[in-house]
């Protein structure tokens, strides 16, 4: 699954991290892969479960097995 970079940038803005948006905009790829880019997401303090909950249809609840929990654990939460 890939998440559009603008969704991640909006997430940062909504969580009061406007100061991180320019750096995130430069460092994140156009389409963020939560597994591949977990280190980048973590650097910006993004909890994957919270980010996935923002997506239409709450895809965080629809990941197979406990993938959402595992990916959340990768981010240290």
PDB file of N, CA and C in Angstrom:
ATOM      1  N   UNK A   1       0.846  -1.172   0.000  1.00  0.00           N
ATOM      2  CA  UNK A   1       0.000   0.000   0.000  1.00  0.00           C
ATOM      3  C   UNK A   1       0.891   1.234   0.000  1.00  0.00           C
ATOM      4  N   UNK A   2       0.514   2.201  -0.771  1.00  0.00           N
ATOM      5  CA  UNK A   2       1.247   3.470  -0.816  1.00  0.00           C
ATOM      6  C   UNK A   2       0.307   4.592  -0.429  1.00  0.00           C
ATOM      7  N   UNK A   3       0.867   5.588   0.228  1.00  0.00           N
ATOM      8  CA  UNK A   3       0.107   6.742   0.697  1.00  0.00           C
ATOM      9  C   UNK A   3       0.676   7.979   0.016  1.00  0.00           C
ATOM     10  N   UNK A   4      -0.184   8.781  -0.548  1.00  0.00           N
ATOM     11  CA  UNK A   4       0.246   9.998  -1.213  1.00  0.00           C
ATOM     12  C   UNK A   4       0.956  10.919  -0.218  1.00  0.00           C
ATOM     13  N   UNK A   5       2.063  11.492  -0.646  1.00  0.00           N
ATOM     14  CA  UNK A   5       2.850  12.367   0.227  1.00  0.00           C
ATOM     15  C   UNK A   5       2.010  13.501   0.807  1.00  0.00           C
ATOM     16  N   UNK A   6       1.074  14.032   0.028  1.00  0.00           N
ATOM     17  CA  UNK A   6       0.241  15.133   0.516  1.00  0.00           C
ATOM     18  C   UNK A   6      -0.587  14.729   1.727  1.00  0.00           C
ATOM     19  N   UNK A   7      -0.984  13.469   1.800  1.00  0.00           N
ATOM     20  CA  UNK A   7      -1.726  12.978   2.966  1.00  0.00           C
ATOM     21  C   UNK A   7      -0.837  13.052   4.203  1.00  0.00           C
ATOM     22  N   UNK A   8       0.413  12.666   4.042  1.00  0.00           N
ATOM     23  CA  UNK A   8       1.361  12.707   5.165  1.00  0.00           C
ATOM     24  C   UNK A   8       1.621  14.156   5.578  1.00  0.00           C
ATOM     25  N   UNK A   9       1.782  15.038   4.605  1.00  0.00           N
ATOM     26  CA  UNK A   9       2.022  16.447   4.915  1.00  0.00           C
ATOM     27  C   UNK A   9       0.817  17.064   5.618  1.00  0.00           C
ATOM     28  N   UNK A  10      -0.390  16.721   5.163  1.00  0.00           N
ATOM     29  CA  UNK A  10      -1.603  17.200   5.840  1.00  0.00           C
ATOM     30  C   UNK A  10      -1.674  16.670   7.265  1.00  0.00           C
ATOM     31  N   UNK A  11      -1.262  15.418   7.444  1.00  0.00           N
ATOM     32  CA  UNK A  11      -1.249  14.813   8.771  1.00  0.00           C
ATOM     33  C   UNK A  11      -0.343  15.617   9.710  1.00  0.00           C
ATOM     34  N   UNK A  12       0.837  15.975   9.226  1.00  0.00           N
ATOM     35  CA  UNK A  12       1.754  16.780  10.044  1.00  0.00           C
ATOM     36  C   UNK A  12       1.119  18.123  10.408  1.00  0.00           C
ATOM     37  N   UNK A  13       0.508  18.767   9.436  1.00  0.00           N
ATOM     38  CA  UNK A  13      -0.134  20.063   9.695  1.00  0.00           C
ATOM     39  C   UNK A  13      -1.236  19.922  10.738  1.00  0.00           C
ATOM     40  N   UNK A  14      -2.062  18.900  10.589  1.00  0.00           N
ATOM     41  CA  UNK A  14      -3.184  18.686  11.509  1.00  0.00           C
ATOM     42  C   UNK A  14      -2.728  18.376  12.931  1.00  0.00           C
ATOM     43  N   UNK A  15      -1.497  17.905  13.071  1.00  0.00           N
ATOM     44  CA  UNK A  15      -0.970  17.573  14.390  1.00  0.00           C
ATOM     45  C   UNK A  15       0.008  18.629  14.911  1.00  0.00           C
ATOM     46  N   UNK A  16      -0.093  19.843  14.353  1.00  0.00           N
ATOM     47  CA  UNK A  16       0.689  20.962  14.858  1.00  0.00           C
ATOM     48  C   UNK A  16       2.169  20.903  14.552  1.00  0.00           C
ATOM     49  N   UNK A  17       2.537  20.219  13.494  1.00  0.00           N
ATOM     50  CA  UNK A  17       3.948  20.085  13.133  1.00  0.00           C
ATOM     51  C   UNK A  17       4.253  20.790  11.817  1.00  0.00           C
ATOM     52  N   UNK A  18       3.671  21.957  11.656  1.00  0.00           N
ATOM     53  CA  UNK A  18       3.854  22.747  10.432  1.00  0.00           C
ATOM     54  C   UNK A  18       5.335  22.986  10.144  1.00  0.00           C
ATOM     55  N   UNK A  19       6.139  23.106  11.192  1.00  0.00           N
ATOM     56  CA  UNK A  19       7.568  23.366  11.013  1.00  0.00           C
ATOM     57  C   UNK A  19       8.300  22.198  10.343  1.00  0.00           C
ATOM     58  N   UNK A  20       7.724  20.984  10.391  1.00  0.00           N
ATOM     59  CA  UNK A  20       8.355  19.818   9.774  1.00  0.00           C
ATOM     60  C   UNK A  20       7.925  19.603   8.327  1.00  0.00           C
ATOM     61  N   UNK A  21       6.891  20.311   7.900  1.00  0.00           N
ATOM     62  CA  UNK A  21       6.339  20.090   6.559  1.00  0.00           C
ATOM     63  C   UNK A  21       7.363  20.348   5.449  1.00  0.00           C
ATOM     64  N   UNK A  22       8.114  21.449   5.462  1.00  0.00           N
ATOM     65  CA  UNK A  22       9.073  21.664   4.366  1.00  0.00           C
ATOM     66  C   UNK A  22      10.114  20.541   4.261  1.00  0.00           C
ATOM     67  N   UNK A  23      10.638  20.105   5.384  1.00  0.00           N
ATOM     68  CA  UNK A  23      11.636  19.037   5.360  1.00  0.00           C
ATOM     69  C   UNK A  23      11.007  17.725   4.898  1.00  0.00           C
ATOM     70  N   UNK A  24       9.830  17.413   5.411  1.00  0.00           N
ATOM     71  CA  UNK A  24       9.145  16.184   5.006  1.00  0.00           C
ATOM     72  C   UNK A  24       8.825  16.224   3.520  1.00  0.00           C
ATOM     73  N   UNK A  25       8.445  17.378   3.023  1.00  0.00           N
ATOM     74  CA  UNK A  25       8.125  17.524   1.609  1.00  0.00           C
ATOM     75  C   UNK A  25       9.330  17.204   0.733  1.00  0.00           C
ATOM     76  N   UNK A  26      10.507  17.569   1.197  1.00  0.00           N
ATOM     77  CA  UNK A  26      11.729  17.308   0.437  1.00  0.00           C
ATOM     78  C   UNK A  26      12.188  15.864   0.565  1.00  0.00           C
ATOM     79  N   UNK A  27      12.034  15.269   1.741  1.00  0.00           N
ATOM     80  CA  UNK A  27      12.610  13.952   1.997  1.00  0.00           C
ATOM     81  C   UNK A  27      11.702  12.771   1.645  1.00  0.00           C
ATOM     82  N   UNK A  28      10.395  12.972   1.742  1.00  0.00           N
ATOM     83  CA  UNK A  28       9.484  11.857   1.468  1.00  0.00           C
ATOM     84  C   UNK A  28       9.282  11.687  -0.038  1.00  0.00           C
ATOM     85  N   UNK A  29       9.155  10.435  -0.481  1.00  0.00           N
ATOM     86  CA  UNK A  29       8.831  10.218  -1.900  1.00  0.00           C
ATOM     87  C   UNK A  29       7.387  10.635  -2.174  1.00  0.00           C
ATOM     88  N   UNK A  30       7.037  10.777  -3.439  1.00  0.00           N
ATOM     89  CA  UNK A  30       5.677  11.185  -3.807  1.00  0.00           C
ATOM     90  C   UNK A  30       4.631  10.204  -3.291  1.00  0.00           C
ATOM     91  N   UNK A  31       4.981   8.935  -3.257  1.00  0.00           N
ATOM     92  CA  UNK A  31       4.086   7.897  -2.746  1.00  0.00           C
ATOM     93  C   UNK A  31       4.831   7.146  -1.655  1.00  0.00           C
ATOM     94  N   UNK A  32       4.378   7.328  -0.425  1.00  0.00           N
ATOM     95  CA  UNK A  32       5.043   6.757   0.745  1.00  0.00           C
ATOM     96  C   UNK A  32       4.588   5.318   0.943  1.00  0.00           C
ATOM     97  N   UNK A  33       5.540   4.421   1.045  1.00  0.00           N
ATOM     98  CA  UNK A  33       5.267   3.027   1.378  1.00  0.00           C
ATOM     99  C   UNK A  33       5.546   2.900   2.874  1.00  0.00           C
ATOM    100  N   UNK A  34       4.510   2.648   3.694  1.00  0.00           N
ATOM    101  CA  UNK A  34       4.707   2.642   5.146  1.00  0.00           C
ATOM    102  C   UNK A  34       5.797   1.692   5.627  1.00  0.00           C
ATOM    103  N   UNK A  35       5.938   0.554   4.966  1.00  0.00           N
ATOM    104  CA  UNK A  35       6.969  -0.398   5.390  1.00  0.00           C
ATOM    105  C   UNK A  35       8.351   0.071   4.963  1.00  0.00           C
ATOM    106  N   UNK A  36       8.483   0.420   3.708  1.00  0.00           N
ATOM    107  CA  UNK A  36       9.775   0.857   3.173  1.00  0.00           C
ATOM    108  C   UNK A  36      10.236   2.169   3.806  1.00  0.00           C
ATOM    109  N   UNK A  37       9.294   3.075   4.042  1.00  0.00           N
ATOM    110  CA  UNK A  37       9.628   4.411   4.519  1.00  0.00           C
ATOM    111  C   UNK A  37       9.372   4.602   6.011  1.00  0.00           C
ATOM    112  N   UNK A  38       9.306   3.502   6.752  1.00  0.00           N
ATOM    113  CA  UNK A  38       9.000   3.605   8.186  1.00  0.00           C
ATOM    114  C   UNK A  38      10.019   4.462   8.931  1.00  0.00           C
ATOM    115  N   UNK A  39      11.283   4.407   8.512  1.00  0.00           N
ATOM    116  CA  UNK A  39      12.305   5.222   9.156  1.00  0.00           C
ATOM    117  C   UNK A  39      12.062   6.710   8.963  1.00  0.00           C
ATOM    118  N   UNK A  40      11.660   7.082   7.759  1.00  0.00           N
ATOM    119  CA  UNK A  40      11.345   8.492   7.488  1.00  0.00           C
ATOM    120  C   UNK A  40      10.127   8.934   8.282  1.00  0.00           C
ATOM    121  N   UNK A  41       9.092   8.103   8.295  1.00  0.00           N
ATOM    122  CA  UNK A  41       7.892   8.446   9.053  1.00  0.00           C
ATOM    123  C   UNK A  41       8.231   8.608  10.525  1.00  0.00           C
ATOM    124  N   UNK A  42       9.040   7.703  11.041  1.00  0.00           N
ATOM    125  CA  UNK A  42       9.450   7.764  12.446  1.00  0.00           C
ATOM    126  C   UNK A  42      10.227   9.041  12.740  1.00  0.00           C
ATOM    127  N   UNK A  43      11.076   9.440  11.816  1.00  0.00           N
ATOM    128  CA  UNK A  43      11.870  10.654  12.004  1.00  0.00           C
ATOM    129  C   UNK A  43      10.980  11.884  12.194  1.00  0.00           C
ATOM    130  N   UNK A  44       9.814  11.854  11.560  1.00  0.00           N
ATOM    131  CA  UNK A  44       8.888  12.968  11.696  1.00  0.00           C
ATOM    132  C   UNK A  44       7.854  12.730  12.796  1.00  0.00           C
ATOM    133  N   UNK A  45       8.054  11.679  13.581  1.00  0.00           N
ATOM    134  CA  UNK A  45       7.178  11.410  14.718  1.00  0.00           C
ATOM    135  C   UNK A  45       5.781  10.968  14.317  1.00  0.00           C
ATOM    136  N   UNK A  46       5.667  10.330  13.168  1.00  0.00           N
ATOM    137  CA  UNK A  46       4.356   9.906  12.678  1.00  0.00           C
ATOM    138  C   UNK A  46       4.069   8.486  13.135  1.00  0.00           C
ATOM    139  N   UNK A  47       2.967   8.326  13.841  1.00  0.00           N
ATOM    140  CA  UNK A  47       2.497   7.007  14.251  1.00  0.00           C
ATOM    141  C   UNK A  47       1.703   6.424  13.087  1.00  0.00           C
ATOM    142  N   UNK A  48       2.132   5.271  12.609  1.00  0.00           N
ATOM    143  CA  UNK A  48       1.505   4.685  11.437  1.00  0.00           C
ATOM    144  C   UNK A  48       0.025   4.413  11.654  1.00  0.00           C
ATOM    145  N   UNK A  49      -0.357   3.940  12.824  1.00  0.00           N
ATOM    146  CA  UNK A  49      -1.770   3.660  13.091  1.00  0.00           C
ATOM    147  C   UNK A  49      -2.605   4.936  12.976  1.00  0.00           C
ATOM    148  N   UNK A  50      -2.094   6.037  13.508  1.00  0.00           N
ATOM    149  CA  UNK A  50      -2.808   7.312  13.418  1.00  0.00           C
ATOM    150  C   UNK A  50      -2.921   7.775  11.962  1.00  0.00           C
ATOM    151  N   UNK A  51      -1.844   7.598  11.217  1.00  0.00           N
ATOM    152  CA  UNK A  51      -1.849   7.984   9.814  1.00  0.00           C
ATOM    153  C   UNK A  51      -2.848   7.132   9.030  1.00  0.00           C
ATOM    154  N   UNK A  52      -2.835   5.836   9.245  1.00  0.00           N
ATOM    155  CA  UNK A  52      -3.750   4.947   8.530  1.00  0.00           C
ATOM    156  C   UNK A  52      -5.201   5.231   8.894  1.00  0.00           C
ATOM    157  N   UNK A  53      -5.434   5.640  10.136  1.00  0.00           N
ATOM    158  CA  UNK A  53      -6.798   5.963  10.566  1.00  0.00           C
ATOM    159  C   UNK A  53      -7.340   7.166   9.806  1.00  0.00           C
ATOM    160  N   UNK A  54      -6.445   8.023   9.315  1.00  0.00           N
ATOM    161  CA  UNK A  54      -6.848   9.209   8.559  1.00  0.00           C
ATOM    162  C   UNK A  54      -7.303   8.857   7.139  1.00  0.00           C
ATOM    163  N   UNK A  55      -6.883   7.717   6.642  1.00  0.00           N
ATOM    164  CA  UNK A  55      -7.203   7.333   5.272  1.00  0.00           C
ATOM    165  C   UNK A  55      -8.667   6.943   5.127  1.00  0.00           C
ATOM    166  N   UNK A  56      -9.229   7.158   3.949  1.00  0.00           N
ATOM    167  CA  UNK A  56     -10.627   6.771   3.720  1.00  0.00           C
ATOM    168  C   UNK A  56     -10.831   5.288   3.984  1.00  0.00           C
ATOM    169  N   UNK A  57     -11.892   4.965   4.691  1.00  0.00           N
ATOM    170  CA  UNK A  57     -12.189   3.573   4.981  1.00  0.00           C
ATOM    171  C   UNK A  57     -11.350   3.005   6.106  1.00  0.00           C
ATOM    172  N   UNK A  58     -10.568   3.852   6.787  1.00  0.00           N
ATOM    173  CA  UNK A  58      -9.723   3.426   7.897  1.00  0.00           C
ATOM    174  C   UNK A  58      -8.969   2.149   7.553  1.00  0.00           C
ATOM    175  N   UNK A  59      -8.076   2.232   6.596  1.00  0.00           N
ATOM    176  CA  UNK A  59      -7.334   1.079   6.119  1.00  0.00           C
ATOM    177  C   UNK A  59      -6.492   0.414   7.196  1.00  0.00           C
ATOM    178  N   UNK A  60      -6.208   1.109   8.266  1.00  0.00           N
ATOM    179  CA  UNK A  60      -5.432   0.520   9.346  1.00  0.00           C
ATOM    180  C   UNK A  60      -6.109  -0.692   9.938  1.00  0.00           C
ATOM    181  N   UNK A  61      -7.438  -0.711   9.920  1.00  0.00           N
ATOM    182  CA  UNK A  61      -8.177  -1.853  10.437  1.00  0.00           C
ATOM    183  C   UNK A  61      -8.288  -2.965   9.417  1.00  0.00           C
ATOM    184  N   UNK A  62      -7.886  -2.717   8.175  1.00  0.00           N
ATOM    185  CA  UNK A  62      -8.078  -3.695   7.118  1.00  0.00           C
ATOM    186  C   UNK A  62      -6.792  -4.345   6.665  1.00  0.00           C
ATOM    187  N   UNK A  63      -5.679  -4.065   7.336  1.00  0.00           N
ATOM    188  CA  UNK A  63      -4.434  -4.699   6.966  1.00  0.00           C
ATOM    189  C   UNK A  63      -4.476  -6.154   7.394  1.00  0.00           C
ATOM    190  N   UNK A  64      -3.904  -7.049   6.608  1.00  0.00           N
ATOM    191  CA  UNK A  64      -3.960  -8.468   6.941  1.00  0.00           C
ATOM    192  C   UNK A  64      -3.237  -8.783   8.246  1.00  0.00           C
ATOM    193  N   UNK A  65      -3.795  -9.730   8.982  1.00  0.00           N
ATOM    194  CA  UNK A  65      -3.178 -10.150  10.232  1.00  0.00           C
ATOM    195  C   UNK A  65      -3.018  -8.983  11.169  1.00  0.00           C
ATOM    196  N   UNK A  66      -1.868  -8.880  11.767  1.00  0.00           N
ATOM    197  CA  UNK A  66      -1.577  -7.773  12.675  1.00  0.00           C
ATOM    198  C   UNK A  66      -0.566  -6.835  12.035  1.00  0.00           C
ATOM    199  N   UNK A  67      -0.614  -6.717  10.706  1.00  0.00           N
ATOM    200  CA  UNK A  67       0.356  -5.890  10.008  1.00  0.00           C
ATOM    201  C   UNK A  67       0.342  -4.451  10.493  1.00  0.00           C
ATOM    202  N   UNK A  68      -0.857  -3.911  10.723  1.00  0.00           N
ATOM    203  CA  UNK A  68      -0.938  -2.545  11.233  1.00  0.00           C
ATOM    204  C   UNK A  68      -0.227  -2.408  12.564  1.00  0.00           C
ATOM    205  N   UNK A  69      -0.440  -3.359  13.468  1.00  0.00           N
ATOM    206  CA  UNK A  69       0.231  -3.340  14.769  1.00  0.00           C
ATOM    207  C   UNK A  69       1.729  -3.510  14.645  1.00  0.00           C
ATOM    208  N   UNK A  70       2.135  -4.402  13.738  1.00  0.00           N
ATOM    209  CA  UNK A  70       3.566  -4.627  13.543  1.00  0.00           C
ATOM    210  C   UNK A  70       4.230  -3.382  12.991  1.00  0.00           C
ATOM    211  N   UNK A  71       3.599  -2.751  12.009  1.00  0.00           N
ATOM    212  CA  UNK A  71       4.189  -1.543  11.436  1.00  0.00           C
ATOM    213  C   UNK A  71       4.197  -0.423  12.465  1.00  0.00           C
ATOM    214  N   UNK A  72       3.157  -0.358  13.284  1.00  0.00           N
ATOM    215  CA  UNK A  72       3.133   0.631  14.361  1.00  0.00           C
ATOM    216  C   UNK A  72       4.280   0.391  15.327  1.00  0.00           C
ATOM    217  N   UNK A  73       4.579  -0.889  15.597  1.00  0.00           N
ATOM    218  CA  UNK A  73       5.695  -1.242  16.484  1.00  0.00           C
ATOM    219  C   UNK A  73       7.028  -0.838  15.913  1.00  0.00           C
ATOM    220  N   UNK A  74       7.155  -0.900  14.594  1.00  0.00           N
ATOM    221  CA  UNK A  74       8.404  -0.489  13.945  1.00  0.00           C
ATOM    222  C   UNK A  74       8.678   0.974  14.234  1.00  0.00           C
ATOM    223  N   UNK A  75       7.588   1.751  14.329  1.00  0.00           N
ATOM    224  CA  UNK A  75       7.747   3.175  14.552  1.00  0.00           C
ATOM    225  C   UNK A  75       7.951   3.508  16.021  1.00  0.00           C
ATOM    226  N   UNK A  76       7.993   2.474  16.870  1.00  0.00           N
ATOM    227  CA  UNK A  76       8.299   2.701  18.281  1.00  0.00           C
ATOM    228  C   UNK A  76       7.108   3.070  19.130  1.00  0.00           C
ATOM    229  N   UNK A  77       5.898   2.794  18.680  1.00  0.00           N
ATOM    230  CA  UNK A  77       4.706   3.121  19.457  1.00  0.00           C
ATOM    231  C   UNK A  77       3.968   1.878  19.843  1.00  0.00           C
TER     232      UNK A  77
END
